[in-house]
Protein backbone atom coordinates (compact mmCIF):
# COMPACT_ATOMS: atom_id res chain seq x y z
CA MET A 1 -11.65 -25.37 14.59
CA ALA A 2 -11.39 -27.56 17.76
CA THR A 3 -8.80 -27.87 20.43
CA ALA A 4 -8.28 -30.52 23.06
CA GLY A 5 -11.07 -30.11 25.67
CA HIS A 6 -12.88 -27.36 23.93
CA PRO A 7 -15.89 -27.38 21.57
CA PRO A 8 -15.29 -26.40 17.92
CA VAL A 9 -15.61 -22.69 17.20
CA PRO A 10 -15.73 -20.85 13.88
CA VAL A 11 -12.45 -19.22 12.79
CA LEU A 12 -12.35 -16.21 10.51
CA VAL A 13 -9.16 -15.61 8.49
CA THR A 14 -8.87 -12.31 6.85
CA ASN A 15 -6.44 -9.45 6.37
CA ASP A 16 -6.10 -5.99 7.75
CA ILE A 17 -8.21 -4.32 4.94
CA VAL A 18 -11.56 -5.76 6.27
CA PRO A 19 -11.64 -4.13 9.64
CA MET A 20 -10.69 -0.79 8.01
CA LEU A 21 -13.58 -1.21 5.61
CA LEU A 22 -15.97 -1.73 8.41
CA ASP A 23 -14.74 1.33 10.37
CA GLY A 24 -17.61 3.68 9.32
CA ASP A 25 -21.11 3.55 7.90
CA GLY A 26 -20.68 5.45 4.63
CA PRO A 27 -18.72 4.66 1.47
CA LEU A 28 -15.10 3.88 2.14
CA CYS A 29 -11.90 3.36 0.18
CA VAL A 30 -8.94 1.86 1.86
CA VAL A 31 -5.43 2.61 0.29
CA ILE A 32 -2.56 0.57 1.89
CA CYS A 33 0.99 1.54 0.92
CA GLY A 34 3.77 -0.29 2.76
CA THR A 35 6.11 -2.77 1.40
CA GLY A 36 3.34 -3.66 -1.12
CA THR A 37 -0.03 -2.10 -1.89
CA GLY A 38 -3.64 -3.01 -1.28
CA PHE A 39 -6.85 -1.25 -2.35
CA ALA A 40 -10.43 -2.00 -1.30
CA ALA A 41 -13.74 -0.10 -1.43
CA ARG A 42 -17.11 -0.57 0.12
CA ASN A 43 -20.42 1.10 -0.94
CA GLY A 44 -23.32 -0.37 0.88
CA GLU A 45 -23.33 -4.05 0.05
CA ARG A 46 -20.85 -3.76 -2.84
CA TRP A 47 -17.14 -4.53 -2.23
CA ALA A 48 -14.15 -4.53 -4.50
CA ARG A 49 -10.35 -5.02 -4.10
CA ALA A 50 -7.28 -4.60 -6.17
CA SER A 51 -3.50 -5.29 -6.02
CA GLY A 52 -2.13 -7.33 -3.09
CA LEU A 53 -0.85 -10.18 -5.34
CA GLU A 54 2.87 -9.82 -4.45
CA TRP A 55 5.48 -8.01 -6.31
CA LEU A 56 5.72 -10.15 -9.46
CA LEU A 57 1.99 -9.58 -10.32
CA SER A 58 1.05 -6.36 -8.53
CA ASP A 59 2.08 -3.95 -5.69
CA GLU A 60 2.99 -1.12 -7.99
CA GLY A 61 3.46 2.00 -5.88
CA GLY A 62 4.46 0.15 -2.75
CA GLY A 63 7.81 0.41 -1.05
CA HIS A 64 9.38 -2.51 -2.82
CA ASP A 65 8.38 -1.07 -6.18
CA LEU A 66 9.55 2.40 -5.29
CA ALA A 67 12.93 0.98 -4.11
CA ALA A 68 13.45 -1.14 -7.01
CA CYS A 69 12.79 1.81 -9.45
CA ALA A 70 15.04 3.96 -7.44
CA LEU A 71 17.89 1.49 -7.44
CA ARG A 72 17.59 1.09 -11.19
CA ALA A 73 17.86 4.87 -11.40
CA VAL A 74 21.02 4.70 -9.27
CA VAL A 75 22.59 2.04 -11.56
CA ARG A 76 21.68 4.05 -14.70
CA ALA A 77 23.18 7.21 -13.17
CA HIS A 78 26.28 5.28 -12.08
CA ASP A 79 26.72 3.87 -15.55
CA GLY A 80 26.15 7.14 -17.33
CA ARG A 81 22.91 5.95 -18.88
CA GLY A 82 20.62 8.11 -16.90
CA PRO A 83 20.48 11.52 -15.16
CA ALA A 84 22.67 12.35 -12.12
CA THR A 85 20.79 11.89 -8.90
CA ALA A 86 21.56 12.12 -5.18
CA LEU A 87 20.08 8.67 -4.91
CA VAL A 88 23.58 7.44 -5.74
CA ASP A 89 24.96 8.75 -2.52
CA ALA A 90 21.83 7.45 -0.73
CA ALA A 91 22.42 3.99 -2.31
CA ARG A 92 26.00 3.98 -0.91
CA ARG A 93 24.79 4.65 2.68
CA TRP A 94 22.07 1.98 2.22
CA CYS A 95 24.21 -0.92 1.04
CA GLN A 96 27.17 0.14 3.19
CA PRO A 97 30.21 -1.19 1.29
CA THR A 98 33.03 -2.17 3.44
CA PRO A 99 35.14 1.00 4.08
CA GLY A 100 38.49 0.89 2.27
CA ALA A 101 37.46 -2.21 0.23
CA ASP A 102 38.13 -2.14 -3.50
CA VAL A 103 34.43 -2.80 -4.32
CA SER A 104 32.46 -0.66 -6.73
CA LEU A 105 28.97 0.64 -5.97
CA GLY A 106 27.64 -1.62 -8.63
CA GLU A 107 29.05 -4.68 -7.01
CA SER A 108 27.90 -3.57 -3.51
CA LEU A 109 24.36 -3.16 -4.84
CA PHE A 110 24.43 -6.54 -6.55
CA HIS A 111 25.44 -8.26 -3.43
CA ALA A 112 22.89 -6.29 -1.36
CA VAL A 113 19.94 -7.09 -3.71
CA HIS A 114 20.89 -10.62 -4.88
CA GLY A 115 22.74 -11.96 -1.85
CA ASP A 116 21.60 -14.80 0.30
CA ALA A 117 20.02 -12.41 2.99
CA ALA A 118 18.27 -10.35 0.42
CA ARG A 119 14.43 -10.37 0.81
CA LYS A 120 11.61 -8.21 -0.54
CA PRO A 121 11.35 -6.27 2.82
CA TYR A 122 15.12 -5.66 2.65
CA VAL A 123 14.95 -4.16 -0.87
CA ALA A 124 11.97 -2.10 0.25
CA SER A 125 14.08 -0.68 3.06
CA PHE A 126 15.59 1.62 0.53
CA ALA A 127 12.25 3.42 0.07
CA PRO A 128 12.79 5.81 3.08
CA PHE A 129 16.02 6.90 1.44
CA VAL A 130 13.99 7.84 -1.61
CA LEU A 131 11.59 9.90 0.50
CA GLU A 132 14.53 11.70 2.16
CA THR A 133 16.25 12.35 -1.16
CA ALA A 134 13.05 13.74 -2.67
CA ARG A 135 12.47 15.98 0.31
CA ALA A 136 15.97 17.39 -0.22
CA GLY A 137 14.97 18.46 -3.78
CA ASP A 138 16.38 15.73 -5.94
CA LEU A 139 14.38 15.62 -9.23
CA VAL A 140 14.86 12.03 -10.01
CA ALA A 141 13.56 10.95 -6.59
CA ALA A 142 10.72 13.47 -6.75
CA GLY A 143 9.67 12.04 -10.20
CA LEU A 144 9.65 8.54 -8.64
CA LEU A 145 7.31 9.67 -5.87
CA ASP A 146 5.05 11.28 -8.45
CA ASN A 147 4.83 7.90 -10.23
CA THR A 148 4.15 6.23 -6.92
CA ALA A 149 1.32 8.61 -6.11
CA GLN A 150 -0.22 8.13 -9.53
CA GLU A 151 -0.14 4.34 -9.05
CA LEU A 152 -2.01 4.81 -5.65
CA VAL A 153 -4.67 7.01 -7.30
CA GLU A 154 -5.24 4.49 -10.07
CA GLY A 155 -5.64 1.71 -7.55
CA ALA A 156 -8.09 3.78 -5.48
CA GLY A 157 -9.95 4.79 -8.61
CA ALA A 158 -10.30 1.15 -9.85
CA VAL A 159 -11.94 -0.15 -6.68
CA CYS A 160 -14.11 2.97 -6.41
CA ARG A 161 -15.47 2.55 -9.90
CA ALA A 162 -16.22 -1.09 -9.25
CA VAL A 163 -18.61 -0.23 -6.47
CA GLY A 164 -20.09 2.96 -7.99
CA LEU A 165 -18.11 5.65 -6.30
CA GLY A 166 -16.70 8.76 -8.01
CA ALA A 167 -16.72 12.49 -8.07
CA ALA A 168 -20.53 12.49 -7.68
CA ALA A 169 -20.35 10.16 -4.77
CA PRO A 170 -16.82 10.38 -3.28
CA PRO A 171 -15.72 7.98 -0.65
CA VAL A 172 -13.89 8.65 2.64
CA LEU A 173 -10.23 7.61 1.91
CA VAL A 174 -8.70 5.63 4.65
CA LEU A 175 -4.93 5.68 4.34
CA SER A 176 -2.61 3.06 5.80
CA GLY A 177 0.92 1.79 5.43
CA SER A 178 4.39 3.18 6.36
CA LEU A 179 4.85 5.21 3.24
CA LEU A 180 1.54 7.08 3.49
CA HIS A 181 2.64 8.22 6.92
CA SER A 182 5.19 10.42 5.16
CA ASP A 183 3.60 13.85 4.35
CA ILE A 184 5.74 14.17 1.07
CA LEU A 185 4.16 11.12 -0.52
CA ARG A 186 0.71 11.53 1.14
CA GLU A 187 0.26 15.05 -0.21
CA ARG A 188 1.16 14.05 -3.73
CA PHE A 189 -1.33 11.26 -3.44
CA LEU A 190 -4.13 13.48 -1.98
CA SER A 191 -3.56 16.13 -4.58
CA ARG A 192 -4.23 13.64 -7.40
CA ALA A 193 -7.04 12.06 -5.44
CA ARG A 194 -8.80 15.49 -5.21
CA ALA A 195 -8.46 15.88 -8.92
CA GLN A 196 -10.17 12.53 -9.42
CA PHE A 197 -12.79 12.62 -6.64
CA GLY A 198 -13.34 16.38 -6.21
CA ASP A 199 -11.98 18.85 -3.66
CA GLY A 200 -14.48 17.67 -1.08
CA VAL A 201 -12.90 14.24 -0.66
CA VAL A 202 -12.27 13.41 2.91
CA ALA A 203 -9.03 11.47 3.85
CA ARG A 204 -7.87 10.13 7.21
CA VAL A 205 -4.94 8.12 8.29
CA ALA A 206 -5.99 4.81 9.74
CA SER A 207 -5.73 4.51 13.50
CA ALA A 208 -6.08 1.41 15.66
CA PRO A 209 -8.42 -1.07 14.02
CA GLY A 210 -10.59 -1.33 17.10
CA PRO A 211 -13.97 -0.13 15.80
CA GLY A 212 -13.83 -2.22 12.70
CA LEU A 213 -12.85 -5.21 14.66
CA VAL A 214 -15.89 -4.85 17.04
CA ARG A 215 -18.10 -4.48 14.07
CA LEU A 216 -16.54 -7.56 12.50
CA LEU A 217 -17.20 -9.50 15.77
CA GLY A 218 -20.90 -8.45 15.66
CA LEU A 219 -21.19 -9.97 12.24
CA TRP A 220 -19.93 -13.45 13.36
CA GLN A 221 -23.33 -14.60 14.48
CA ASP A 222 -24.57 -14.30 10.91
CA PRO A 223 -23.52 -17.40 8.71
CA ALA A 224 -23.79 -15.37 5.49
CA ALA A 225 -21.38 -12.85 6.91
CA ILE A 226 -18.92 -15.40 7.97
CA ALA A 227 -19.08 -17.03 4.58
CA ALA A 228 -18.48 -13.70 2.78
CA LEU A 229 -15.69 -12.58 5.06
CA GLY A 230 -13.95 -15.98 4.90
CA ARG A 231 -11.76 -14.80 2.09
CA PRO A 232 -9.05 -12.14 2.24
CA VAL A 233 -11.44 -9.49 1.02
CA PRO A 234 -15.06 -10.01 -0.27
CA VAL A 235 -15.53 -9.24 -3.96
CA HIS A 236 -18.02 -6.48 -4.84
CA ALA A 237 -20.91 -8.97 -5.58
CA ASP A 238 -21.07 -10.28 -2.02
CA PRO A 239 -23.57 -8.65 0.43
CA ILE A 240 -22.50 -8.09 3.98
CA PRO A 241 -25.70 -7.91 6.24
CA GLY A 242 -25.88 -4.62 8.10
CA SER A 243 -22.98 -2.98 6.34
CA GLY A 244 -25.04 -0.51 4.26
CA PRO A 245 -24.88 3.14 4.87
C-alpha cells in the first residue's frame, strides 16, 4: 500500500482473533461470544477456526442467536403454543410499545424485528434481557443459556480437535465478547468445558490485545508469516514461524 509522498508498505488485514491466539506460548483456544461467535485454536504451528460466517450460516450461541431464540419463545408463550416465561415481560420492556396505544405485543415485536431500523445488532440487544431473566430464575431463559453454553463448547471442541488438543493436552481457554463477561453464561460454559477438557483446564477473560499485537508486529519481517496471516485467521495447515510452544 502506498500513499502520496510515502513509499509502499505492507498492510496486514486480520481480525481480533489472531492477536489473542498470539498472546501466549502454549496451546490456546479463543472463544468469542458477542453479537456472533468465533472460535480459533493454535497448537504449535497448527491453527484452526470455526464459525464467524454471519448469522445465516453460523454464529450459533452468539447474542443474535440467543436473542432470536428467546423472542421465538416469547411469541410461542404469548400465543399459548409454548410454556409461560418471564421473557414476555422482558420483551415488552425491550420493544417499548407506545403507552396507551392499542397495539399487541406481537405487533410491537414484529415492527421491532422487521422494521426499517432493525439490524442484527438491534435484535441481539435483547440478549442481556435473557441473561437478566435467567438470573431471576426463569426456566425458559435458563434453558436457552444452557443451549448457548453447549454451542460454545462444541465450537471450542471443534477447533481444538483440529489442532490435536483435548483432555490429554488441554488448551488455555481465552474468553472474549460481551456475553462471556456475564458470569451466568461464563460459568455454564466453563462447567461444560471442564467436562470436555478436564478439571485442570485454565480459562482467562481476554484483556487488552497488547502482547499479541506486539508479537504480531514482530512477525511482520518474515514474508511467510505475512502471507499466512493475510487472511482473517490462518487454517490449521499453515505454519507461523516462531509460534510454537
